[in-house]
């Protein structure tokens, strides 16, 4: 069963007490050089708020610990009951001293990372995938995963230049859906070879496109390529595409935010049978 541990002092105990070791998962999250979910950190996954924590606990990512105010920990009791992890309970001020800022959502959870699936195994059963290149904004990345989950995209493939989708902000903006949509990180050569081997039609979203996303709706397997804000897809990515796709827009507007464009395109190709 989950171990409830009262946390009355935000500091490290002296002498050290092993019951509080995992509080370190949540310390100084406002400092980029200490963040456990950033490069140089410990590779942890961090979830904020009861909704996202619930999705973390139901995901393949192995939970390590929780930190929260009493009310939020109590709300999660049904999900926590079978787990053998510590749940540190603290008042809001103590929690803020640990984290480095006041957390309005009142609860955090940490987890280890799960291995990425095998690319060929993943594509063998997928019919709609998103391929992202150079998407290095954590909020856009999180929003793309949330849209992918909502609109039936089976997987997200991360080409070079993408940020880590498991950074805390990406997890939060995705509302935890990044923990359930499978993703693989690979160079273009491997991604292109696997997509073609498995019979995917590649549609690259670009303002210079000549077909709308709906033109790909009847294809049995579709991969939609999306690039970063500003530069868009690289010449290498565009050269790999079977079609250059443009979302029709009124004159004077040539592009959308990448997450918004992804949502429009995911819906238009009939992802998951969404009407």
C-alpha atoms as a PDB file:
ATOM      1  CA  UNK A   1       0.000   0.000   0.000  1.00  0.00           C
ATOM      2  CA  UNK A   2       1.017   3.608  -0.504  1.00  0.00           C
ATOM      3  CA  UNK A   3       3.064   4.990   2.383  1.00  0.00           C
ATOM      4  CA  UNK A   4       1.722   8.311   3.690  1.00  0.00           C
ATOM      5  CA  UNK A   5       4.609  10.377   5.030  1.00  0.00           C
ATOM      6  CA  UNK A   6       3.935  13.655   6.828  1.00  0.00           C
ATOM      7  CA  UNK A   7       6.356  16.349   5.667  1.00  0.00           C
ATOM      8  CA  UNK A   8       6.537  19.164   8.184  1.00  0.00           C
ATOM      9  CA  UNK A   9       9.957  20.590   7.283  1.00  0.00           C
ATOM     10  CA  UNK A  10      11.017  21.531   3.752  1.00  0.00           C
ATOM     11  CA  UNK A  11      14.713  21.014   4.481  1.00  0.00           C
ATOM     12  CA  UNK A  12      16.787  17.859   4.267  1.00  0.00           C
ATOM     13  CA  UNK A  13      16.743  16.088   7.653  1.00  0.00           C
ATOM     14  CA  UNK A  14      19.992  16.040   9.592  1.00  0.00           C
ATOM     15  CA  UNK A  15      20.982  13.292  10.053  1.00  0.00           C
ATOM     16  CA  UNK A  16      19.561  11.957   6.748  1.00  0.00           C
ATOM     17  CA  UNK A  17      16.386   9.898   7.024  1.00  0.00           C
ATOM     18  CA  UNK A  18      15.781   7.363   4.220  1.00  0.00           C
ATOM     19  CA  UNK A  19      12.013   7.893   4.507  1.00  0.00           C
ATOM     20  CA  UNK A  20      12.473  11.337   2.939  1.00  0.00           C
ATOM     21  CA  UNK A  21      14.992  10.466   0.199  1.00  0.00           C
ATOM     22  CA  UNK A  22      12.475  10.767  -2.640  1.00  0.00           C
ATOM     23  CA  UNK A  23      11.482  14.305  -1.651  1.00  0.00           C
ATOM     24  CA  UNK A  24      14.525  15.175  -3.779  1.00  0.00           C
ATOM     25  CA  UNK A  25      12.426  14.339  -6.860  1.00  0.00           C
ATOM     26  CA  UNK A  26      10.506  17.575  -6.265  1.00  0.00           C
ATOM     27  CA  UNK A  27      13.150  20.014  -5.033  1.00  0.00           C
ATOM     28  CA  UNK A  28      13.951  23.310  -6.751  1.00  0.00           C
ATOM     29  CA  UNK A  29      11.846  22.725  -9.862  1.00  0.00           C
ATOM     30  CA  UNK A  30      12.166  26.411 -10.762  1.00  0.00           C
ATOM     31  CA  UNK A  31      15.908  25.962 -11.292  1.00  0.00           C
ATOM     32  CA  UNK A  32      16.645  24.577 -14.744  1.00  0.00           C
ATOM     33  CA  UNK A  33      19.992  23.171 -13.631  1.00  0.00           C
ATOM     34  CA  UNK A  34      18.302  21.121 -10.917  1.00  0.00           C
ATOM     35  CA  UNK A  35      15.208  19.977 -12.798  1.00  0.00           C
ATOM     36  CA  UNK A  36      15.078  16.172 -12.811  1.00  0.00           C
ATOM     37  CA  UNK A  37      13.135  16.156 -16.090  1.00  0.00           C
ATOM     38  CA  UNK A  38      15.697  18.189 -18.040  1.00  0.00           C
ATOM     39  CA  UNK A  39      19.030  17.257 -19.655  1.00  0.00           C
ATOM     40  CA  UNK A  40      21.577  16.646 -16.954  1.00  0.00           C
ATOM     41  CA  UNK A  41      18.845  15.672 -14.512  1.00  0.00           C
ATOM     42  CA  UNK A  42      17.774  12.193 -13.522  1.00  0.00           C
ATOM     43  CA  UNK A  43      15.442  11.583 -16.418  1.00  0.00           C
ATOM     44  CA  UNK A  44      12.314  11.591 -14.276  1.00  0.00           C
ATOM     45  CA  UNK A  45       8.764  12.234 -15.442  1.00  0.00           C
ATOM     46  CA  UNK A  46       6.879  14.828 -13.387  1.00  0.00           C
ATOM     47  CA  UNK A  47       3.094  15.190 -13.366  1.00  0.00           C
ATOM     48  CA  UNK A  48       1.122  18.100 -11.887  1.00  0.00           C
ATOM     49  CA  UNK A  49      -2.480  18.141 -10.715  1.00  0.00           C
ATOM     50  CA  UNK A  50      -4.903  15.345  -9.936  1.00  0.00           C
ATOM     51  CA  UNK A  51      -6.006  14.783 -13.559  1.00  0.00           C
ATOM     52  CA  UNK A  52      -2.462  14.457 -14.896  1.00  0.00           C
ATOM     53  CA  UNK A  53      -1.277  12.434 -11.890  1.00  0.00           C
ATOM     54  CA  UNK A  54      -4.125   9.977 -12.457  1.00  0.00           C
ATOM     55  CA  UNK A  55      -3.035   9.558 -16.065  1.00  0.00           C
ATOM     56  CA  UNK A  56       0.532   9.028 -14.926  1.00  0.00           C
ATOM     57  CA  UNK A  57      -0.541   6.337 -12.460  1.00  0.00           C
ATOM     58  CA  UNK A  58      -2.464   4.570 -15.243  1.00  0.00           C
ATOM     59  CA  UNK A  59       0.449   4.773 -17.687  1.00  0.00           C
ATOM     60  CA  UNK A  60       3.464   2.518 -18.364  1.00  0.00           C
ATOM     61  CA  UNK A  61       5.718   4.934 -16.456  1.00  0.00           C
ATOM     62  CA  UNK A  62       6.631   3.459 -13.037  1.00  0.00           C
ATOM     63  CA  UNK A  63       5.653   5.840 -10.210  1.00  0.00           C
ATOM     64  CA  UNK A  64       8.260   6.787  -7.608  1.00  0.00           C
ATOM     65  CA  UNK A  65       6.634   9.254  -5.203  1.00  0.00           C
ATOM     66  CA  UNK A  66       3.996  11.934  -4.706  1.00  0.00           C
ATOM     67  CA  UNK A  67       4.013  15.281  -2.944  1.00  0.00           C
ATOM     68  CA  UNK A  68       0.799  17.126  -2.213  1.00  0.00           C
ATOM     69  CA  UNK A  69      -1.468  18.924   0.154  1.00  0.00           C
ATOM     70  CA  UNK A  70      -3.780  16.637   2.179  1.00  0.00           C
ATOM     71  CA  UNK A  71      -6.899  17.303   0.096  1.00  0.00           C
ATOM     72  CA  UNK A  72      -5.230  16.355  -3.194  1.00  0.00           C
ATOM     73  CA  UNK A  73      -3.621  13.228  -1.817  1.00  0.00           C
ATOM     74  CA  UNK A  74      -7.013  12.197  -0.414  1.00  0.00           C
ATOM     75  CA  UNK A  75      -8.634  12.690  -3.854  1.00  0.00           C
ATOM     76  CA  UNK A  76      -6.122  10.238  -5.316  1.00  0.00           C
ATOM     77  CA  UNK A  77      -6.619   7.598  -2.634  1.00  0.00           C
ATOM     78  CA  UNK A  78      -8.348   5.013  -4.903  1.00  0.00           C
ATOM     79  CA  UNK A  79      -5.472   5.125  -7.413  1.00  0.00           C
ATOM     80  CA  UNK A  80      -2.802   5.167  -4.710  1.00  0.00           C
ATOM     81  CA  UNK A  81      -4.152   2.312  -2.614  1.00  0.00           C
ATOM     82  CA  UNK A  82      -2.380  -0.529  -4.484  1.00  0.00           C
ATOM     83  CA  UNK A  83       0.944   1.296  -4.924  1.00  0.00           C
ATOM     84  CA  UNK A  84       4.095   0.764  -2.884  1.00  0.00           C
ATOM     85  CA  UNK A  85       5.374   4.348  -3.100  1.00  0.00           C
ATOM     86  CA  UNK A  86       5.638   7.219  -0.607  1.00  0.00           C
ATOM     87  CA  UNK A  87       3.074  10.019  -0.712  1.00  0.00           C
ATOM     88  CA  UNK A  88       4.518  13.048   1.055  1.00  0.00           C
ATOM     89  CA  UNK A  89       1.785  15.176   2.601  1.00  0.00           C
ATOM     90  CA  UNK A  90       2.545  18.806   3.393  1.00  0.00           C
ATOM     91  CA  UNK A  91       0.794  22.132   3.781  1.00  0.00           C
ATOM     92  CA  UNK A  92       0.923  24.559   0.854  1.00  0.00           C
ATOM     93  CA  UNK A  93       3.772  26.645   2.278  1.00  0.00           C
ATOM     94  CA  UNK A  94       5.989  23.647   2.987  1.00  0.00           C
ATOM     95  CA  UNK A  95       5.283  22.263  -0.459  1.00  0.00           C
ATOM     96  CA  UNK A  96       6.190  25.636  -2.022  1.00  0.00           C
ATOM     97  CA  UNK A  97       9.513  25.666  -0.174  1.00  0.00           C
ATOM     98  CA  UNK A  98      10.332  22.210  -1.514  1.00  0.00           C
ATOM     99  CA  UNK A  99       9.272  22.892  -5.103  1.00  0.00           C
ATOM    100  CA  UNK A 100      10.508  26.472  -5.309  1.00  0.00           C
ATOM    101  CA  UNK A 101       7.154  28.094  -6.099  1.00  0.00           C
ATOM    102  CA  UNK A 102       3.497  27.851  -5.092  1.00  0.00           C
ATOM    103  CA  UNK A 103       1.854  25.043  -7.046  1.00  0.00           C
ATOM    104  CA  UNK A 104      -1.814  25.875  -7.585  1.00  0.00           C
ATOM    105  CA  UNK A 105      -2.666  22.303  -8.560  1.00  0.00           C
ATOM    106  CA  UNK A 106      -1.611  21.044  -5.138  1.00  0.00           C
ATOM    107  CA  UNK A 107      -0.007  17.724  -6.063  1.00  0.00           C
ATOM    108  CA  UNK A 108       2.994  16.360  -7.960  1.00  0.00           C
ATOM    109  CA  UNK A 109       4.039  12.844  -8.852  1.00  0.00           C
ATOM    110  CA  UNK A 110       7.369  11.544 -10.087  1.00  0.00           C
ATOM    111  CA  UNK A 111       7.974   8.459 -12.209  1.00  0.00           C
ATOM    112  CA  UNK A 112      10.756   6.720 -14.032  1.00  0.00           C
ATOM    113  CA  UNK A 113      10.829   6.613 -17.802  1.00  0.00           C
ATOM    114  CA  UNK A 114       9.464   3.747 -19.851  1.00  0.00           C
ATOM    115  CA  UNK A 115      11.441   2.446 -22.847  1.00  0.00           C
ATOM    116  CA  UNK A 116      10.361   3.702 -26.256  1.00  0.00           C
ATOM    117  CA  UNK A 117       8.600   1.062 -28.367  1.00  0.00           C
ATOM    118  CA  UNK A 118      10.253  -0.532 -31.359  1.00  0.00           C
ATOM    119  CA  UNK A 119       9.565   1.573 -34.448  1.00  0.00           C
ATOM    120  CA  UNK A 120       8.603  -1.331 -36.736  1.00  0.00           C
ATOM    121  CA  UNK A 121       6.410  -2.954 -34.105  1.00  0.00           C
ATOM    122  CA  UNK A 122       4.651   0.358 -33.497  1.00  0.00           C
ATOM    123  CA  UNK A 123       3.992   1.043 -37.176  1.00  0.00           C
ATOM    124  CA  UNK A 124       2.816  -2.489 -37.902  1.00  0.00           C
ATOM    125  CA  UNK A 125      -0.580  -1.743 -36.343  1.00  0.00           C
ATOM    126  CA  UNK A 126      -0.801   2.059 -36.717  1.00  0.00           C
ATOM    127  CA  UNK A 127      -2.912   3.739 -39.392  1.00  0.00           C
ATOM    128  CA  UNK A 128      -2.502   7.442 -38.520  1.00  0.00           C
ATOM    129  CA  UNK A 129       0.762   8.892 -37.228  1.00  0.00           C
ATOM    130  CA  UNK A 130       2.191  12.365 -36.707  1.00  0.00           C
ATOM    131  CA  UNK A 131       5.823  13.027 -37.565  1.00  0.00           C
ATOM    132  CA  UNK A 132       7.317  16.102 -35.901  1.00  0.00           C
ATOM    133  CA  UNK A 133      10.525  17.847 -36.913  1.00  0.00           C
ATOM    134  CA  UNK A 134      12.220  20.631 -34.957  1.00  0.00           C
ATOM    135  CA  UNK A 135       9.284  21.157 -32.569  1.00  0.00           C
ATOM    136  CA  UNK A 136      11.321  22.424 -29.640  1.00  0.00           C
ATOM    137  CA  UNK A 137       8.669  24.435 -27.828  1.00  0.00           C
ATOM    138  CA  UNK A 138       7.431  22.382 -24.885  1.00  0.00           C
ATOM    139  CA  UNK A 139       3.918  23.842 -24.946  1.00  0.00           C
ATOM    140  CA  UNK A 140       3.446  23.182 -28.659  1.00  0.00           C
ATOM    141  CA  UNK A 141       4.752  19.668 -28.172  1.00  0.00           C
ATOM    142  CA  UNK A 142       2.384  18.995 -25.292  1.00  0.00           C
ATOM    143  CA  UNK A 143      -0.562  20.428 -27.214  1.00  0.00           C
ATOM    144  CA  UNK A 144       0.262  18.250 -30.230  1.00  0.00           C
ATOM    145  CA  UNK A 145       0.201  15.124 -28.072  1.00  0.00           C
ATOM    146  CA  UNK A 146      -3.118  16.159 -26.531  1.00  0.00           C
ATOM    147  CA  UNK A 147      -4.579  16.718 -29.999  1.00  0.00           C
ATOM    148  CA  UNK A 148      -3.160  13.415 -31.207  1.00  0.00           C
ATOM    149  CA  UNK A 149      -4.823  11.590 -28.320  1.00  0.00           C
ATOM    150  CA  UNK A 150      -8.145  13.343 -28.877  1.00  0.00           C
ATOM    151  CA  UNK A 151      -8.242  12.725 -32.626  1.00  0.00           C
ATOM    152  CA  UNK A 152      -7.160   9.113 -32.817  1.00  0.00           C
ATOM    153  CA  UNK A 153      -3.526   9.453 -33.912  1.00  0.00           C
ATOM    154  CA  UNK A 154      -1.877   6.138 -33.101  1.00  0.00           C
ATOM    155  CA  UNK A 155       1.683   7.329 -32.578  1.00  0.00           C
ATOM    156  CA  UNK A 156       3.995  10.328 -32.713  1.00  0.00           C
ATOM    157  CA  UNK A 157       7.391  10.045 -34.377  1.00  0.00           C
ATOM    158  CA  UNK A 158      10.013  12.567 -33.350  1.00  0.00           C
ATOM    159  CA  UNK A 159      12.502  13.517 -36.049  1.00  0.00           C
ATOM    160  CA  UNK A 160      15.634  15.576 -35.272  1.00  0.00           C
ATOM    161  CA  UNK A 161      15.335  18.869 -33.416  1.00  0.00           C
ATOM    162  CA  UNK A 162      12.339  18.050 -31.208  1.00  0.00           C
ATOM    163  CA  UNK A 163      12.314  18.737 -27.493  1.00  0.00           C
ATOM    164  CA  UNK A 164      11.774  15.945 -25.019  1.00  0.00           C
ATOM    165  CA  UNK A 165       7.998  15.377 -24.750  1.00  0.00           C
ATOM    166  CA  UNK A 166       8.420  14.203 -21.160  1.00  0.00           C
ATOM    167  CA  UNK A 167       9.586  17.579 -19.836  1.00  0.00           C
ATOM    168  CA  UNK A 168       7.280  18.782 -17.060  1.00  0.00           C
ATOM    169  CA  UNK A 169       5.693  21.554 -19.143  1.00  0.00           C
ATOM    170  CA  UNK A 170       4.980  19.222 -22.055  1.00  0.00           C
ATOM    171  CA  UNK A 171       3.388  16.681 -19.743  1.00  0.00           C
ATOM    172  CA  UNK A 172       1.254  19.388 -18.141  1.00  0.00           C
ATOM    173  CA  UNK A 173       0.083  20.987 -21.416  1.00  0.00           C
ATOM    174  CA  UNK A 174      -0.734  17.554 -22.854  1.00  0.00           C
ATOM    175  CA  UNK A 175      -2.932  16.947 -19.777  1.00  0.00           C
ATOM    176  CA  UNK A 176      -0.970  13.741 -19.295  1.00  0.00           C
ATOM    177  CA  UNK A 177      -1.859  12.318 -22.715  1.00  0.00           C
ATOM    178  CA  UNK A 178       1.799  12.272 -23.724  1.00  0.00           C
ATOM    179  CA  UNK A 179       2.090   9.401 -21.244  1.00  0.00           C
ATOM    180  CA  UNK A 180      -0.376   7.311 -23.278  1.00  0.00           C
ATOM    181  CA  UNK A 181       0.364   8.177 -26.914  1.00  0.00           C
ATOM    182  CA  UNK A 182       3.378   6.050 -27.929  1.00  0.00           C
ATOM    183  CA  UNK A 183       6.310   7.901 -29.433  1.00  0.00           C
ATOM    184  CA  UNK A 184       9.668   7.062 -30.964  1.00  0.00           C
ATOM    185  CA  UNK A 185      12.683   9.314 -31.527  1.00  0.00           C
ATOM    186  CA  UNK A 186      14.787   8.484 -34.594  1.00  0.00           C
ATOM    187  CA  UNK A 187      16.734  10.087 -37.454  1.00  0.00           C
ATOM    188  CA  UNK A 188      14.953  10.821 -40.716  1.00  0.00           C
ATOM    189  CA  UNK A 189      16.558   7.893 -42.524  1.00  0.00           C
ATOM    190  CA  UNK A 190      15.112   5.363 -40.088  1.00  0.00           C
ATOM    191  CA  UNK A 191      11.713   7.058 -39.917  1.00  0.00           C
ATOM    192  CA  UNK A 192      11.322   7.352 -43.689  1.00  0.00           C
ATOM    193  CA  UNK A 193      12.397   3.762 -44.325  1.00  0.00           C
ATOM    194  CA  UNK A 194       9.999   2.381 -41.707  1.00  0.00           C
ATOM    195  CA  UNK A 195       7.062   4.509 -42.883  1.00  0.00           C
ATOM    196  CA  UNK A 196       7.495   3.421 -46.483  1.00  0.00           C
ATOM    197  CA  UNK A 197       8.016  -0.220 -45.503  1.00  0.00           C
ATOM    198  CA  UNK A 198       4.678  -0.161 -43.691  1.00  0.00           C
ATOM    199  CA  UNK A 199       2.829   1.487 -46.558  1.00  0.00           C
ATOM    200  CA  UNK A 200       2.277   4.990 -45.194  1.00  0.00           C
ATOM    201  CA  UNK A 201       1.480   7.905 -47.459  1.00  0.00           C
ATOM    202  CA  UNK A 202       3.450  10.924 -46.248  1.00  0.00           C
ATOM    203  CA  UNK A 203       1.764  14.315 -46.268  1.00  0.00           C
ATOM    204  CA  UNK A 204       3.944  17.326 -45.379  1.00  0.00           C
ATOM    205  CA  UNK A 205       2.091  20.354 -44.020  1.00  0.00           C
ATOM    206  CA  UNK A 206       3.434  23.525 -45.619  1.00  0.00           C
ATOM    207  CA  UNK A 207       2.031  26.899 -46.740  1.00  0.00           C
ATOM    208  CA  UNK A 208       3.319  25.933 -50.203  1.00  0.00           C
ATOM    209  CA  UNK A 209       1.172  22.806 -50.313  1.00  0.00           C
ATOM    210  CA  UNK A 210      -1.150  22.012 -53.172  1.00  0.00           C
ATOM    211  CA  UNK A 211      -3.683  19.591 -51.636  1.00  0.00           C
ATOM    212  CA  UNK A 212      -5.876  19.920 -48.540  1.00  0.00           C
ATOM    213  CA  UNK A 213      -5.552  17.393 -45.673  1.00  0.00           C
ATOM    214  CA  UNK A 214      -8.927  15.894 -46.600  1.00  0.00           C
ATOM    215  CA  UNK A 215      -7.385  14.622 -49.838  1.00  0.00           C
ATOM    216  CA  UNK A 216      -5.577  11.983 -47.763  1.00  0.00           C
ATOM    217  CA  UNK A 217      -8.658  10.904 -45.816  1.00  0.00           C
ATOM    218  CA  UNK A 218      -9.322   7.768 -47.832  1.00  0.00           C
ATOM    219  CA  UNK A 219      -5.808   6.360 -47.591  1.00  0.00           C
ATOM    220  CA  UNK A 220      -5.444   3.336 -45.300  1.00  0.00           C
ATOM    221  CA  UNK A 221      -2.234   4.619 -43.707  1.00  0.00           C
ATOM    222  CA  UNK A 222      -1.258   8.284 -43.432  1.00  0.00           C
ATOM    223  CA  UNK A 223       1.689  10.038 -41.802  1.00  0.00           C
ATOM    224  CA  UNK A 224       1.377  13.810 -41.372  1.00  0.00           C
ATOM    225  CA  UNK A 225       4.660  15.723 -41.168  1.00  0.00           C
ATOM    226  CA  UNK A 226       4.724  18.942 -39.143  1.00  0.00           C
ATOM    227  CA  UNK A 227       7.620  21.351 -38.604  1.00  0.00           C
ATOM    228  CA  UNK A 228       8.501  23.988 -36.059  1.00  0.00           C
ATOM    229  CA  UNK A 229       6.967  27.450 -35.792  1.00  0.00           C
ATOM    230  CA  UNK A 230       8.679  29.791 -38.242  1.00  0.00           C
ATOM    231  CA  UNK A 231      11.027  27.596 -40.276  1.00  0.00           C
ATOM    232  CA  UNK A 232       8.536  24.798 -40.899  1.00  0.00           C
ATOM    233  CA  UNK A 233       9.752  21.531 -42.353  1.00  0.00           C
ATOM    234  CA  UNK A 234      13.276  21.187 -43.680  1.00  0.00           C
ATOM    235  CA  UNK A 235      14.016  20.575 -47.344  1.00  0.00           C
ATOM    236  CA  UNK A 236      14.953  17.008 -46.380  1.00  0.00           C
ATOM    237  CA  UNK A 237      11.549  16.396 -44.837  1.00  0.00           C
ATOM    238  CA  UNK A 238       9.680  17.980 -47.741  1.00  0.00           C
ATOM    239  CA  UNK A 239      11.623  15.815 -50.194  1.00  0.00           C
ATOM    240  CA  UNK A 240      10.459  12.674 -48.393  1.00  0.00           C
ATOM    241  CA  UNK A 241       6.762  13.553 -48.658  1.00  0.00           C
ATOM    242  CA  UNK A 242       4.406  12.044 -51.196  1.00  0.00           C
ATOM    243  CA  UNK A 243       2.139  15.110 -50.972  1.00  0.00           C
ATOM    244  CA  UNK A 244       2.543  18.701 -49.860  1.00  0.00           C
ATOM    245  CA  UNK A 245      -0.513  19.585 -47.807  1.00  0.00           C
ATOM    246  CA  UNK A 246      -1.967  23.021 -47.133  1.00  0.00           C
ATOM    247  CA  UNK A 247      -4.899  23.860 -44.863  1.00  0.00           C
ATOM    248  CA  UNK A 248      -7.177  26.227 -46.825  1.00  0.00           C
ATOM    249  CA  UNK A 249      -7.267  29.690 -45.226  1.00  0.00           C
ATOM    250  CA  UNK A 250      -8.593  33.139 -45.988  1.00  0.00           C
ATOM    251  CA  UNK A 251      -6.291  35.490 -47.913  1.00  0.00           C
ATOM    252  CA  UNK A 252      -3.679  37.255 -45.828  1.00  0.00           C
ATOM    253  CA  UNK A 253      -3.131  34.359 -43.395  1.00  0.00           C
ATOM    254  CA  UNK A 254      -0.641  31.754 -44.496  1.00  0.00           C
ATOM    255  CA  UNK A 255      -0.188  29.527 -41.453  1.00  0.00           C
ATOM    256  CA  UNK A 256      -1.482  28.358 -38.073  1.00  0.00           C
ATOM    257  CA  UNK A 257       0.179  27.498 -34.808  1.00  0.00           C
ATOM    258  CA  UNK A 258       1.684  24.037 -35.292  1.00  0.00           C
ATOM    259  CA  UNK A 259      -0.531  22.403 -32.667  1.00  0.00           C
ATOM    260  CA  UNK A 260      -3.646  23.973 -34.201  1.00  0.00           C
ATOM    261  CA  UNK A 261      -2.570  22.934 -37.692  1.00  0.00           C
ATOM    262  CA  UNK A 262      -1.995  19.425 -36.410  1.00  0.00           C
ATOM    263  CA  UNK A 263      -5.477  19.250 -34.912  1.00  0.00           C
ATOM    264  CA  UNK A 264      -7.114  20.419 -38.143  1.00  0.00           C
ATOM    265  CA  UNK A 265      -5.122  17.950 -40.204  1.00  0.00           C
ATOM    266  CA  UNK A 266      -5.632  15.026 -37.800  1.00  0.00           C
ATOM    267  CA  UNK A 267      -9.373  15.569 -37.974  1.00  0.00           C
ATOM    268  CA  UNK A 268      -9.413  16.021 -41.723  1.00  0.00           C
ATOM    269  CA  UNK A 269      -7.694  12.714 -42.470  1.00  0.00           C
ATOM    270  CA  UNK A 270     -10.324  10.900 -40.430  1.00  0.00           C
ATOM    271  CA  UNK A 271      -8.126   9.858 -37.522  1.00  0.00           C
ATOM    272  CA  UNK A 272      -9.742   7.170 -35.450  1.00  0.00           C
ATOM    273  CA  UNK A 273     -13.041   7.550 -37.265  1.00  0.00           C
ATOM    274  CA  UNK A 274     -13.741  10.922 -35.648  1.00  0.00           C
ATOM    275  CA  UNK A 275     -16.480  12.697 -37.594  1.00  0.00           C
END
